[in-house]
Amino acid sequence: MKVADIAPGTFAEISSAKLAREKTAVMESLEDILYGSVAGVTGKYIEYPFDTVKVRLQSQPDHLPLRYKGPLDCFRQSIKADGVLGLYRGISAPLFGAAAETSSLFFFERIGRETIYTWGLCARDQILPLPALWFTGAFAGAFTSYVLTPIELVKCKIQVPASSSVDGVVNNKAPGVFSIIRDVYRHEGLKGFWRGQTGTLIRETGGCAAWFGFKETTTKLFYALNERGLKNKSERDALRTEALPLWQQAVAGANAGVSYNFLFFPADTIKSRMQTTAIGLRGAQTTFLQEGKALWRQYGLRGLYRGCGITCIRSAPSSAFIFMVYDGLKRHVPL
């Protein structure tokens, strides 16, 4: 059996041992990096305008009246001020970030599965149970967070419409990627690029457990649904070697995206506020806990979920496309 004949997804795998014989670990890693990058870039183009609105809603200052009444008002004001292209401001860094994030997630998720096999928690000729897949998602998210935090810091600073310089003068010109990198390093050193790491770690560890977990759970439910009426075991086994219909793949991916964003959105809100603080502004740097307490005191739970609706809306199609592109490439374009 060729690798190309095996349907994507954990529940469509035949035998990990057989796969290991047919494809080396190096080739698997290259596929994770290459196909994950392509899938991540595709998803980022879909979601980026919504992500810009989300960051602008999250980063509104506490000491001033809210600039935006909600997502639609933020869209309206942003387009009026900068045009539609303004919503794509700074997309170069996020495109790189999306490629790095998605490829890292699929790469480390596979490492997580290999860890489970190595520890003897599951035989290689068996399909991983759902709890193990939630663990591999958390494993992937935890490692990926350290890759992602510096990229998201640059992205968030670009997306905010205006920032204050050290002397208090407001500059309406959008900063560039290299100017932000230079300023962060000059004022805070290398550790400044990992500002907000706690929030990213919480979001990615818990969120990616849900991302992979809900995707595989939904996939399993669809396979069980499609098997109804099939009494022959060979027919059921044959069905599981085939990819799900596209609409079912899309639903599984969309469900994963919404779950990822909703469950740990407060951590992302706090992270975004920390990362959009003006560079070099004395007394403005706070810890994750301090920022969270301040936001809770002023706005409560509603403040922690500011921008959540628009984020879940954009994550559904984006996540669906990411999984569909990645699984499709793994199935039809093996290296």
C-alpha atoms as a PDB file:
ATOM      1  CA  MET A   1       0.000   0.000   0.000  1.00  0.00           C
ATOM      2  CA  LYS A   2       1.299   3.429  -0.900  1.00  0.00           C
ATOM      3  CA  VAL A   3       1.219   6.286   1.596  1.00  0.00           C
ATOM      4  CA  ALA A   4      -0.822   8.274  -0.924  1.00  0.00           C
ATOM      5  CA  ASP A   5      -3.575   5.669  -0.659  1.00  0.00           C
ATOM      6  CA  ILE A   6      -4.022   6.280   3.053  1.00  0.00           C
ATOM      7  CA  ALA A   7      -6.663   8.824   4.030  1.00  0.00           C
ATOM      8  CA  PRO A   8      -5.570  11.716   6.289  1.00  0.00           C
ATOM      9  CA  GLY A   9      -6.553  11.942   9.908  1.00  0.00           C
ATOM     10  CA  THR A  10      -5.847   9.703  12.873  1.00  0.00           C
ATOM     11  CA  PHE A  11      -8.928   7.554  12.337  1.00  0.00           C
ATOM     12  CA  ALA A  12      -7.933   6.838   8.742  1.00  0.00           C
ATOM     13  CA  GLU A  13      -4.458   5.569   9.599  1.00  0.00           C
ATOM     14  CA  ILE A  14      -3.718   1.916   8.931  1.00  0.00           C
ATOM     15  CA  SER A  15      -0.637   1.013  10.906  1.00  0.00           C
ATOM     16  CA  SER A  16       1.971   3.342  12.338  1.00  0.00           C
ATOM     17  CA  ALA A  17       4.522   0.564  12.028  1.00  0.00           C
ATOM     18  CA  LYS A  18       3.790   0.128   8.334  1.00  0.00           C
ATOM     19  CA  LEU A  19       3.918   3.886   7.774  1.00  0.00           C
ATOM     20  CA  ALA A  20       7.274   4.021   9.525  1.00  0.00           C
ATOM     21  CA  ARG A  21       8.649   1.413   7.138  1.00  0.00           C
ATOM     22  CA  GLU A  22       7.361   3.198   4.042  1.00  0.00           C
ATOM     23  CA  LYS A  23       8.378   6.711   4.985  1.00  0.00           C
ATOM     24  CA  THR A  24      11.345   7.853   7.033  1.00  0.00           C
ATOM     25  CA  ALA A  25      11.043  10.197   9.986  1.00  0.00           C
ATOM     26  CA  VAL A  26      12.943  12.837   8.033  1.00  0.00           C
ATOM     27  CA  MET A  27      10.403  12.782   5.211  1.00  0.00           C
ATOM     28  CA  GLU A  28       7.541  12.960   7.712  1.00  0.00           C
ATOM     29  CA  SER A  29       9.153  16.017   9.274  1.00  0.00           C
ATOM     30  CA  LEU A  30       9.618  17.676   5.893  1.00  0.00           C
ATOM     31  CA  GLU A  31       5.953  17.084   5.072  1.00  0.00           C
ATOM     32  CA  ASP A  32       4.857  18.554   8.409  1.00  0.00           C
ATOM     33  CA  ILE A  33       6.955  21.677   7.815  1.00  0.00           C
ATOM     34  CA  LEU A  34       6.145  22.160   4.123  1.00  0.00           C
ATOM     35  CA  TYR A  35       2.459  21.268   4.115  1.00  0.00           C
ATOM     36  CA  GLY A  36       1.862  22.936   7.469  1.00  0.00           C
ATOM     37  CA  SER A  37       3.395  26.130   6.111  1.00  0.00           C
ATOM     38  CA  VAL A  38       1.191  26.102   3.003  1.00  0.00           C
ATOM     39  CA  ALA A  39      -1.920  25.429   5.095  1.00  0.00           C
ATOM     40  CA  GLY A  40      -1.015  28.150   7.595  1.00  0.00           C
ATOM     41  CA  VAL A  41      -0.476  30.809   4.917  1.00  0.00           C
ATOM     42  CA  THR A  42      -3.803  29.905   3.286  1.00  0.00           C
ATOM     43  CA  GLY A  43      -5.643  30.232   6.575  1.00  0.00           C
ATOM     44  CA  LYS A  44      -3.921  33.513   7.455  1.00  0.00           C
ATOM     45  CA  TYR A  45      -5.086  35.247   4.274  1.00  0.00           C
ATOM     46  CA  ILE A  46      -8.657  34.305   5.179  1.00  0.00           C
ATOM     47  CA  GLU A  47      -8.562  35.376   8.804  1.00  0.00           C
ATOM     48  CA  TYR A  48      -6.175  38.340   8.911  1.00  0.00           C
ATOM     49  CA  PRO A  49      -8.695  41.229   8.565  1.00  0.00           C
ATOM     50  CA  PHE A  50     -10.717  39.721  11.407  1.00  0.00           C
ATOM     51  CA  ASP A  51      -7.571  39.272  13.476  1.00  0.00           C
ATOM     52  CA  THR A  52      -6.705  42.953  12.996  1.00  0.00           C
ATOM     53  CA  VAL A  53     -10.127  43.935  14.308  1.00  0.00           C
ATOM     54  CA  LYS A  54      -9.747  41.534  17.240  1.00  0.00           C
ATOM     55  CA  VAL A  55      -6.395  43.028  18.298  1.00  0.00           C
ATOM     56  CA  ARG A  56      -7.739  46.581  18.031  1.00  0.00           C
ATOM     57  CA  LEU A  57     -10.715  45.693  20.207  1.00  0.00           C
ATOM     58  CA  GLN A  58      -8.507  43.946  22.769  1.00  0.00           C
ATOM     59  CA  SER A  59      -5.901  46.703  23.034  1.00  0.00           C
ATOM     60  CA  GLN A  60      -8.166  49.708  23.747  1.00  0.00           C
ATOM     61  CA  PRO A  61      -6.712  51.719  26.692  1.00  0.00           C
ATOM     62  CA  ASP A  62      -8.424  51.496  30.084  1.00  0.00           C
ATOM     63  CA  HIS A  63      -8.002  55.199  30.906  1.00  0.00           C
ATOM     64  CA  LEU A  64      -9.827  56.410  27.768  1.00  0.00           C
ATOM     65  CA  PRO A  65     -13.385  55.928  26.458  1.00  0.00           C
ATOM     66  CA  LEU A  66     -13.671  52.889  24.213  1.00  0.00           C
ATOM     67  CA  ARG A  67     -12.731  53.832  20.667  1.00  0.00           C
ATOM     68  CA  TYR A  68     -14.836  51.093  19.057  1.00  0.00           C
ATOM     69  CA  LYS A  69     -18.394  50.105  19.977  1.00  0.00           C
ATOM     70  CA  GLY A  70     -17.925  46.595  18.635  1.00  0.00           C
ATOM     71  CA  PRO A  71     -16.514  44.539  15.736  1.00  0.00           C
ATOM     72  CA  LEU A  72     -18.695  46.125  13.034  1.00  0.00           C
ATOM     73  CA  ASP A  73     -17.862  49.625  14.231  1.00  0.00           C
ATOM     74  CA  CYS A  74     -14.171  48.715  14.281  1.00  0.00           C
ATOM     75  CA  PHE A  75     -14.422  47.442  10.706  1.00  0.00           C
ATOM     76  CA  ARG A  76     -16.188  50.641   9.667  1.00  0.00           C
ATOM     77  CA  GLN A  77     -13.704  53.000  11.305  1.00  0.00           C
ATOM     78  CA  SER A  78     -10.692  51.007  10.087  1.00  0.00           C
ATOM     79  CA  ILE A  79     -11.861  50.935   6.465  1.00  0.00           C
ATOM     80  CA  LYS A  80     -12.794  54.633   6.604  1.00  0.00           C
ATOM     81  CA  ALA A  81      -9.351  55.555   7.940  1.00  0.00           C
ATOM     82  CA  ASP A  82      -7.083  53.235   5.942  1.00  0.00           C
ATOM     83  CA  GLY A  83      -9.210  51.465   3.338  1.00  0.00           C
ATOM     84  CA  VAL A  84      -9.640  47.719   3.045  1.00  0.00           C
ATOM     85  CA  LEU A  85      -5.897  47.230   2.612  1.00  0.00           C
ATOM     86  CA  GLY A  86      -5.425  48.788   6.045  1.00  0.00           C
ATOM     87  CA  LEU A  87      -6.941  45.635   7.524  1.00  0.00           C
ATOM     88  CA  TYR A  88      -4.017  43.729   6.004  1.00  0.00           C
ATOM     89  CA  ARG A  89      -1.433  46.068   7.552  1.00  0.00           C
ATOM     90  CA  GLY A  90       1.647  44.148   8.621  1.00  0.00           C
ATOM     91  CA  ILE A  91       0.575  40.847   7.076  1.00  0.00           C
ATOM     92  CA  SER A  92       4.141  39.937   6.071  1.00  0.00           C
ATOM     93  CA  ALA A  93       5.135  39.021   9.635  1.00  0.00           C
ATOM     94  CA  PRO A  94       1.893  37.091  10.312  1.00  0.00           C
ATOM     95  CA  LEU A  95       2.308  35.130   7.072  1.00  0.00           C
ATOM     96  CA  PHE A  96       5.719  34.040   8.272  1.00  0.00           C
ATOM     97  CA  GLY A  97       4.206  33.445  11.697  1.00  0.00           C
ATOM     98  CA  ALA A  98       1.330  31.388  10.291  1.00  0.00           C
ATOM     99  CA  ALA A  99       3.758  29.216   8.359  1.00  0.00           C
ATOM    100  CA  ALA A 100       5.963  28.783  11.438  1.00  0.00           C
ATOM    101  CA  GLU A 101       3.012  28.185  13.783  1.00  0.00           C
ATOM    102  CA  THR A 102       1.090  25.678  11.704  1.00  0.00           C
ATOM    103  CA  SER A 103       4.138  23.717  10.601  1.00  0.00           C
ATOM    104  CA  SER A 104       5.368  23.648  14.219  1.00  0.00           C
ATOM    105  CA  LEU A 105       1.980  22.448  15.452  1.00  0.00           C
ATOM    106  CA  PHE A 106       1.824  19.505  13.055  1.00  0.00           C
ATOM    107  CA  PHE A 107       5.521  18.733  13.591  1.00  0.00           C
ATOM    108  CA  PHE A 108       5.341  18.743  17.395  1.00  0.00           C
ATOM    109  CA  GLU A 109       1.988  16.907  17.368  1.00  0.00           C
ATOM    110  CA  ARG A 110       3.684  14.055  15.539  1.00  0.00           C
ATOM    111  CA  ILE A 111       6.564  14.202  18.047  1.00  0.00           C
ATOM    112  CA  GLY A 112       3.935  13.949  20.793  1.00  0.00           C
ATOM    113  CA  ARG A 113       2.520  10.803  19.198  1.00  0.00           C
ATOM    114  CA  GLU A 114       6.002   9.329  18.902  1.00  0.00           C
ATOM    115  CA  THR A 115       6.555  10.111  22.591  1.00  0.00           C
ATOM    116  CA  ILE A 116       3.433   8.153  23.538  1.00  0.00           C
ATOM    117  CA  TYR A 117       4.619   5.178  21.489  1.00  0.00           C
ATOM    118  CA  THR A 118       8.132   5.398  22.938  1.00  0.00           C
ATOM    119  CA  TRP A 119       6.816   5.462  26.495  1.00  0.00           C
ATOM    120  CA  GLY A 120       4.812   2.324  25.752  1.00  0.00           C
ATOM    121  CA  LEU A 121       1.490   3.996  26.503  1.00  0.00           C
ATOM    122  CA  CYS A 122       0.050   2.738  23.231  1.00  0.00           C
ATOM    123  CA  ALA A 123       1.149   0.081  20.751  1.00  0.00           C
ATOM    124  CA  ARG A 124       2.268   1.367  17.356  1.00  0.00           C
ATOM    125  CA  ASP A 125      -0.172  -0.890  15.542  1.00  0.00           C
ATOM    126  CA  GLN A 126      -3.133   0.652  17.392  1.00  0.00           C
ATOM    127  CA  ILE A 127      -5.046   3.866  16.747  1.00  0.00           C
ATOM    128  CA  LEU A 128      -4.381   6.432  19.455  1.00  0.00           C
ATOM    129  CA  PRO A 129      -7.358   6.944  21.788  1.00  0.00           C
ATOM    130  CA  LEU A 130      -8.929  10.396  21.989  1.00  0.00           C
ATOM    131  CA  PRO A 131      -7.379  11.336  25.374  1.00  0.00           C
ATOM    132  CA  ALA A 132      -3.932  10.701  23.873  1.00  0.00           C
ATOM    133  CA  LEU A 133      -4.755  12.977  20.937  1.00  0.00           C
ATOM    134  CA  TRP A 134      -5.770  15.774  23.313  1.00  0.00           C
ATOM    135  CA  PHE A 135      -2.396  15.295  25.018  1.00  0.00           C
ATOM    136  CA  THR A 136      -0.461  15.464  21.738  1.00  0.00           C
ATOM    137  CA  GLY A 137      -2.295  18.690  20.926  1.00  0.00           C
ATOM    138  CA  ALA A 138      -1.285  20.222  24.268  1.00  0.00           C
ATOM    139  CA  PHE A 139       2.270  18.966  23.745  1.00  0.00           C
ATOM    140  CA  ALA A 140       2.426  20.632  20.321  1.00  0.00           C
ATOM    141  CA  GLY A 141       0.932  23.892  21.594  1.00  0.00           C
ATOM    142  CA  ALA A 142       3.341  24.218  24.510  1.00  0.00           C
ATOM    143  CA  PHE A 143       6.437  23.957  22.296  1.00  0.00           C
ATOM    144  CA  THR A 144       4.944  26.078  19.520  1.00  0.00           C
ATOM    145  CA  SER A 145       4.194  28.943  21.932  1.00  0.00           C
ATOM    146  CA  TYR A 146       7.907  29.726  22.232  1.00  0.00           C
ATOM    147  CA  VAL A 147       8.182  30.015  18.444  1.00  0.00           C
ATOM    148  CA  LEU A 148       5.036  32.102  18.185  1.00  0.00           C
ATOM    149  CA  THR A 149       5.357  34.764  20.905  1.00  0.00           C
ATOM    150  CA  PRO A 150       8.007  36.964  19.192  1.00  0.00           C
ATOM    151  CA  ILE A 151       6.112  36.817  15.890  1.00  0.00           C
ATOM    152  CA  GLU A 152       2.819  37.757  17.522  1.00  0.00           C
ATOM    153  CA  LEU A 153       4.446  40.596  19.430  1.00  0.00           C
ATOM    154  CA  VAL A 154       5.573  42.229  16.177  1.00  0.00           C
ATOM    155  CA  LYS A 155       2.189  41.548  14.558  1.00  0.00           C
ATOM    156  CA  CYS A 156       0.194  43.093  17.400  1.00  0.00           C
ATOM    157  CA  LYS A 157       2.320  46.247  17.464  1.00  0.00           C
ATOM    158  CA  ILE A 158       1.786  46.727  13.737  1.00  0.00           C
ATOM    159  CA  GLN A 159      -1.973  46.145  13.907  1.00  0.00           C
ATOM    160  CA  VAL A 160      -2.656  48.805  16.538  1.00  0.00           C
ATOM    161  CA  PRO A 161      -3.637  51.974  14.601  1.00  0.00           C
ATOM    162  CA  ALA A 162      -1.475  54.441  16.549  1.00  0.00           C
ATOM    163  CA  SER A 163       1.169  54.242  19.250  1.00  0.00           C
ATOM    164  CA  SER A 164       2.839  56.709  21.555  1.00  0.00           C
ATOM    165  CA  SER A 165       6.569  57.276  21.454  1.00  0.00           C
ATOM    166  CA  VAL A 166       8.688  57.532  24.565  1.00  0.00           C
ATOM    167  CA  ASP A 167       8.287  61.305  24.781  1.00  0.00           C
ATOM    168  CA  GLY A 168       4.509  61.060  24.530  1.00  0.00           C
ATOM    169  CA  VAL A 169       4.144  62.230  20.947  1.00  0.00           C
ATOM    170  CA  VAL A 170       1.519  60.250  19.047  1.00  0.00           C
ATOM    171  CA  ASN A 171       2.713  58.829  15.743  1.00  0.00           C
ATOM    172  CA  ASN A 172      -0.056  57.814  13.323  1.00  0.00           C
ATOM    173  CA  LYS A 173       2.318  56.212  10.827  1.00  0.00           C
ATOM    174  CA  ALA A 174       2.240  52.443  10.917  1.00  0.00           C
ATOM    175  CA  PRO A 175       5.573  51.085  12.170  1.00  0.00           C
ATOM    176  CA  GLY A 176       7.529  48.629  10.077  1.00  0.00           C
ATOM    177  CA  VAL A 177       8.603  45.134  11.049  1.00  0.00           C
ATOM    178  CA  PHE A 178      12.305  45.954  11.272  1.00  0.00           C
ATOM    179  CA  SER A 179      11.748  49.199  13.179  1.00  0.00           C
ATOM    180  CA  ILE A 180       9.723  47.315  15.802  1.00  0.00           C
ATOM    181  CA  ILE A 181      12.368  44.605  16.096  1.00  0.00           C
ATOM    182  CA  ARG A 182      15.054  47.273  16.495  1.00  0.00           C
ATOM    183  CA  ASP A 183      13.120  49.220  19.129  1.00  0.00           C
ATOM    184  CA  VAL A 184      12.180  46.149  21.177  1.00  0.00           C
ATOM    185  CA  TYR A 185      15.766  44.948  21.254  1.00  0.00           C
ATOM    186  CA  ARG A 186      17.121  48.411  22.098  1.00  0.00           C
ATOM    187  CA  HIS A 187      14.760  48.964  25.032  1.00  0.00           C
ATOM    188  CA  GLU A 188      14.169  45.434  26.381  1.00  0.00           C
ATOM    189  CA  GLY A 189      16.809  43.161  24.893  1.00  0.00           C
ATOM    190  CA  LEU A 190      16.137  39.626  23.682  1.00  0.00           C
ATOM    191  CA  LYS A 191      13.719  38.878  26.522  1.00  0.00           C
ATOM    192  CA  GLY A 192      11.472  41.674  25.256  1.00  0.00           C
ATOM    193  CA  PHE A 193      10.492  39.536  22.264  1.00  0.00           C
ATOM    194  CA  TRP A 194       8.915  36.989  24.603  1.00  0.00           C
ATOM    195  CA  ARG A 195       6.731  39.547  26.370  1.00  0.00           C
ATOM    196  CA  GLY A 196       3.337  37.902  26.815  1.00  0.00           C
ATOM    197  CA  GLN A 197       4.817  34.388  26.727  1.00  0.00           C
ATOM    198  CA  THR A 198       2.672  33.268  29.662  1.00  0.00           C
ATOM    199  CA  GLY A 199      -0.494  34.163  27.789  1.00  0.00           C
ATOM    200  CA  THR A 200       0.695  32.477  24.606  1.00  0.00           C
ATOM    201  CA  LEU A 201       1.702  29.347  26.547  1.00  0.00           C
ATOM    202  CA  ILE A 202      -1.703  29.076  28.227  1.00  0.00           C
ATOM    203  CA  ARG A 203      -3.579  29.786  25.004  1.00  0.00           C
ATOM    204  CA  GLU A 204      -1.540  27.415  22.847  1.00  0.00           C
ATOM    205  CA  THR A 205      -1.306  24.528  25.336  1.00  0.00           C
ATOM    206  CA  GLY A 206      -4.996  24.476  26.166  1.00  0.00           C
ATOM    207  CA  GLY A 207      -6.185  25.755  22.814  1.00  0.00           C
ATOM    208  CA  CYS A 208      -4.206  23.262  20.730  1.00  0.00           C
ATOM    209  CA  ALA A 209      -5.371  20.402  22.919  1.00  0.00           C
ATOM    210  CA  ALA A 210      -8.883  21.495  21.951  1.00  0.00           C
ATOM    211  CA  TRP A 211      -7.861  22.169  18.321  1.00  0.00           C
ATOM    212  CA  PHE A 212      -6.540  18.689  17.639  1.00  0.00           C
ATOM    213  CA  GLY A 213      -8.864  17.034  20.159  1.00  0.00           C
ATOM    214  CA  PHE A 214     -12.136  18.441  18.838  1.00  0.00           C
ATOM    215  CA  LYS A 215     -11.044  17.897  15.230  1.00  0.00           C
ATOM    216  CA  GLU A 216     -10.331  14.231  15.850  1.00  0.00           C
ATOM    217  CA  THR A 217     -13.435  13.791  18.029  1.00  0.00           C
ATOM    218  CA  THR A 218     -15.646  15.261  15.308  1.00  0.00           C
ATOM    219  CA  THR A 219     -13.853  13.168  12.682  1.00  0.00           C
ATOM    220  CA  LYS A 220     -14.496  10.009  14.680  1.00  0.00           C
ATOM    221  CA  LEU A 221     -18.174  10.877  15.040  1.00  0.00           C
ATOM    222  CA  PHE A 222     -18.490  11.388  11.280  1.00  0.00           C
ATOM    223  CA  TYR A 223     -16.827   8.051  10.553  1.00  0.00           C
ATOM    224  CA  ALA A 224     -19.223   6.359  12.986  1.00  0.00           C
ATOM    225  CA  LEU A 225     -22.135   8.107  11.279  1.00  0.00           C
ATOM    226  CA  ASN A 226     -20.967   7.084   7.828  1.00  0.00           C
ATOM    227  CA  GLU A 227     -20.552   3.465   8.946  1.00  0.00           C
ATOM    228  CA  ARG A 228     -24.195   3.083   9.878  1.00  0.00           C
ATOM    229  CA  GLY A 229     -25.757   0.332   7.853  1.00  0.00           C
ATOM    230  CA  LEU A 230     -22.408  -1.342   7.114  1.00  0.00           C
ATOM    231  CA  LYS A 231     -22.457  -4.769   8.746  1.00  0.00           C
ATOM    232  CA  ASN A 232     -19.347  -6.169   7.097  1.00  0.00           C
ATOM    233  CA  LYS A 233     -16.118  -5.428   8.976  1.00  0.00           C
ATOM    234  CA  SER A 234     -14.100  -5.263   5.769  1.00  0.00           C
ATOM    235  CA  GLU A 235     -16.447  -2.569   4.453  1.00  0.00           C
ATOM    236  CA  ARG A 236     -16.035  -0.541   7.647  1.00  0.00           C
ATOM    237  CA  ASP A 237     -12.260  -0.904   7.487  1.00  0.00           C
ATOM    238  CA  ALA A 238     -12.278   0.151   3.840  1.00  0.00           C
ATOM    239  CA  LEU A 239     -14.388   3.208   4.671  1.00  0.00           C
ATOM    240  CA  ARG A 240     -11.864   4.350   7.239  1.00  0.00           C
ATOM    241  CA  THR A 241      -9.082   4.294   4.667  1.00  0.00           C
ATOM    242  CA  GLU A 242     -10.970   6.925   2.679  1.00  0.00           C
ATOM    243  CA  ALA A 243     -11.080  10.646   3.379  1.00  0.00           C
ATOM    244  CA  LEU A 244     -14.273  12.123   4.760  1.00  0.00           C
ATOM    245  CA  PRO A 245     -16.461  14.115   2.361  1.00  0.00           C
ATOM    246  CA  LEU A 246     -15.216  17.702   2.073  1.00  0.00           C
ATOM    247  CA  TRP A 247     -18.155  19.177   3.976  1.00  0.00           C
ATOM    248  CA  GLN A 248     -17.480  16.849   6.908  1.00  0.00           C
ATOM    249  CA  GLN A 249     -13.781  17.743   6.867  1.00  0.00           C
ATOM    250  CA  ALA A 250     -14.780  21.420   6.877  1.00  0.00           C
ATOM    251  CA  VAL A 251     -17.145  20.958   9.836  1.00  0.00           C
ATOM    252  CA  ALA A 252     -14.468  19.095  11.827  1.00  0.00           C
ATOM    253  CA  GLY A 253     -11.900  21.814  11.127  1.00  0.00           C
ATOM    254  CA  ALA A 254     -14.321  24.642  11.870  1.00  0.00           C
ATOM    255  CA  ASN A 255     -15.339  23.013  15.157  1.00  0.00           C
ATOM    256  CA  ALA A 256     -11.662  22.774  16.098  1.00  0.00           C
ATOM    257  CA  GLY A 257     -11.047  26.447  15.309  1.00  0.00           C
ATOM    258  CA  VAL A 258     -13.965  27.774  17.335  1.00  0.00           C
ATOM    259  CA  SER A 259     -13.061  25.556  20.309  1.00  0.00           C
ATOM    260  CA  TYR A 260      -9.427  26.665  20.219  1.00  0.00           C
ATOM    261  CA  ASN A 261     -10.302  30.352  20.337  1.00  0.00           C
ATOM    262  CA  PHE A 262     -13.262  30.408  22.705  1.00  0.00           C
ATOM    263  CA  LEU A 263     -11.966  28.267  25.557  1.00  0.00           C
ATOM    264  CA  PHE A 264      -8.760  30.218  26.237  1.00  0.00           C
ATOM    265  CA  PHE A 265      -9.600  33.619  24.784  1.00  0.00           C
ATOM    266  CA  PRO A 266      -8.971  35.556  28.064  1.00  0.00           C
ATOM    267  CA  ALA A 267      -5.298  34.509  27.969  1.00  0.00           C
ATOM    268  CA  ASP A 268      -5.046  35.862  24.421  1.00  0.00           C
ATOM    269  CA  THR A 269      -6.689  39.154  25.440  1.00  0.00           C
ATOM    270  CA  ILE A 270      -4.205  39.712  28.261  1.00  0.00           C
ATOM    271  CA  LYS A 271      -1.301  38.761  25.985  1.00  0.00           C
ATOM    272  CA  SER A 272      -2.414  41.213  23.283  1.00  0.00           C
ATOM    273  CA  ARG A 273      -2.686  44.053  25.803  1.00  0.00           C
ATOM    274  CA  MET A 274       0.801  43.334  27.104  1.00  0.00           C
ATOM    275  CA  GLN A 275       2.260  43.181  23.605  1.00  0.00           C
ATOM    276  CA  THR A 276       0.659  46.434  22.412  1.00  0.00           C
ATOM    277  CA  THR A 277       2.078  48.531  25.257  1.00  0.00           C
ATOM    278  CA  ALA A 278       4.251  51.323  23.883  1.00  0.00           C
ATOM    279  CA  ILE A 279       7.911  50.321  23.626  1.00  0.00           C
ATOM    280  CA  GLY A 280      10.140  52.006  26.182  1.00  0.00           C
ATOM    281  CA  LEU A 281       7.293  53.630  28.105  1.00  0.00           C
ATOM    282  CA  ARG A 282       8.404  53.583  31.722  1.00  0.00           C
ATOM    283  CA  GLY A 283       6.004  52.138  34.268  1.00  0.00           C
ATOM    284  CA  ALA A 284       3.790  50.650  31.542  1.00  0.00           C
ATOM    285  CA  GLN A 285       5.241  47.122  31.621  1.00  0.00           C
ATOM    286  CA  THR A 286       3.128  44.773  33.720  1.00  0.00           C
ATOM    287  CA  THR A 287       3.100  41.038  34.386  1.00  0.00           C
ATOM    288  CA  PHE A 288       0.468  38.680  33.019  1.00  0.00           C
ATOM    289  CA  LEU A 289      -1.268  38.493  36.388  1.00  0.00           C
ATOM    290  CA  GLN A 290      -1.204  42.258  36.947  1.00  0.00           C
ATOM    291  CA  GLU A 291      -2.643  42.933  33.500  1.00  0.00           C
ATOM    292  CA  GLY A 292      -5.365  40.345  34.031  1.00  0.00           C
ATOM    293  CA  LYS A 293      -6.370  41.748  37.424  1.00  0.00           C
ATOM    294  CA  ALA A 294      -6.526  45.300  36.085  1.00  0.00           C
ATOM    295  CA  LEU A 295      -8.718  44.260  33.172  1.00  0.00           C
ATOM    296  CA  TRP A 296     -11.020  42.232  35.424  1.00  0.00           C
ATOM    297  CA  ARG A 297     -11.469  45.099  37.896  1.00  0.00           C
ATOM    298  CA  GLN A 298     -12.465  47.531  35.160  1.00  0.00           C
ATOM    299  CA  TYR A 299     -14.494  45.398  32.732  1.00  0.00           C
ATOM    300  CA  GLY A 300     -15.025  41.994  34.348  1.00  0.00           C
ATOM    301  CA  LEU A 301     -15.501  38.845  32.287  1.00  0.00           C
ATOM    302  CA  ARG A 302     -16.842  40.871  29.367  1.00  0.00           C
ATOM    303  CA  GLY A 303     -13.505  42.656  29.035  1.00  0.00           C
ATOM    304  CA  LEU A 304     -11.611  39.374  28.918  1.00  0.00           C
ATOM    305  CA  TYR A 305     -13.775  38.198  26.009  1.00  0.00           C
ATOM    306  CA  ARG A 306     -13.718  41.483  24.066  1.00  0.00           C
ATOM    307  CA  GLY A 307     -13.360  40.563  20.387  1.00  0.00           C
ATOM    308  CA  CYS A 308     -14.142  36.877  20.975  1.00  0.00           C
ATOM    309  CA  GLY A 309     -17.150  36.811  18.654  1.00  0.00           C
ATOM    310  CA  ILE A 310     -15.286  38.110  15.622  1.00  0.00           C
ATOM    311  CA  THR A 311     -12.390  35.775  16.419  1.00  0.00           C
ATOM    312  CA  CYS A 312     -14.588  32.662  16.485  1.00  0.00           C
ATOM    313  CA  ILE A 313     -16.293  33.737  13.251  1.00  0.00           C
ATOM    314  CA  ARG A 314     -12.997  34.079  11.398  1.00  0.00           C
ATOM    315  CA  SER A 315     -11.455  30.958  12.950  1.00  0.00           C
ATOM    316  CA  ALA A 316     -14.133  28.605  11.615  1.00  0.00           C
ATOM    317  CA  PRO A 317     -13.347  28.931   7.878  1.00  0.00           C
ATOM    318  CA  SER A 318      -9.645  29.490   8.522  1.00  0.00           C
ATOM    319  CA  SER A 319      -9.229  26.331  10.594  1.00  0.00           C
ATOM    320  CA  ALA A 320     -11.361  24.336   8.168  1.00  0.00           C
ATOM    321  CA  PHE A 321      -9.099  25.327   5.274  1.00  0.00           C
ATOM    322  CA  ILE A 322      -5.940  24.624   7.275  1.00  0.00           C
ATOM    323  CA  PHE A 323      -6.916  21.024   8.000  1.00  0.00           C
ATOM    324  CA  MET A 324      -8.338  20.450   4.515  1.00  0.00           C
ATOM    325  CA  VAL A 325      -5.205  21.781   2.800  1.00  0.00           C
ATOM    326  CA  TYR A 326      -2.811  19.941   5.119  1.00  0.00           C
ATOM    327  CA  ASP A 327      -4.661  16.608   4.986  1.00  0.00           C
ATOM    328  CA  GLY A 328      -5.174  16.938   1.249  1.00  0.00           C
ATOM    329  CA  LEU A 329      -1.477  17.522   0.621  1.00  0.00           C
ATOM    330  CA  LYS A 330      -0.492  14.660   2.936  1.00  0.00           C
ATOM    331  CA  ARG A 331      -2.853  12.350   1.082  1.00  0.00           C
ATOM    332  CA  HIS A 332      -2.250  13.328  -2.523  1.00  0.00           C
ATOM    333  CA  VAL A 333       1.257  14.861  -2.615  1.00  0.00           C
ATOM    334  CA  PRO A 334       3.530  12.607  -0.542  1.00  0.00           C
ATOM    335  CA  LEU A 335       7.224  13.488  -0.621  1.00  0.00           C
END
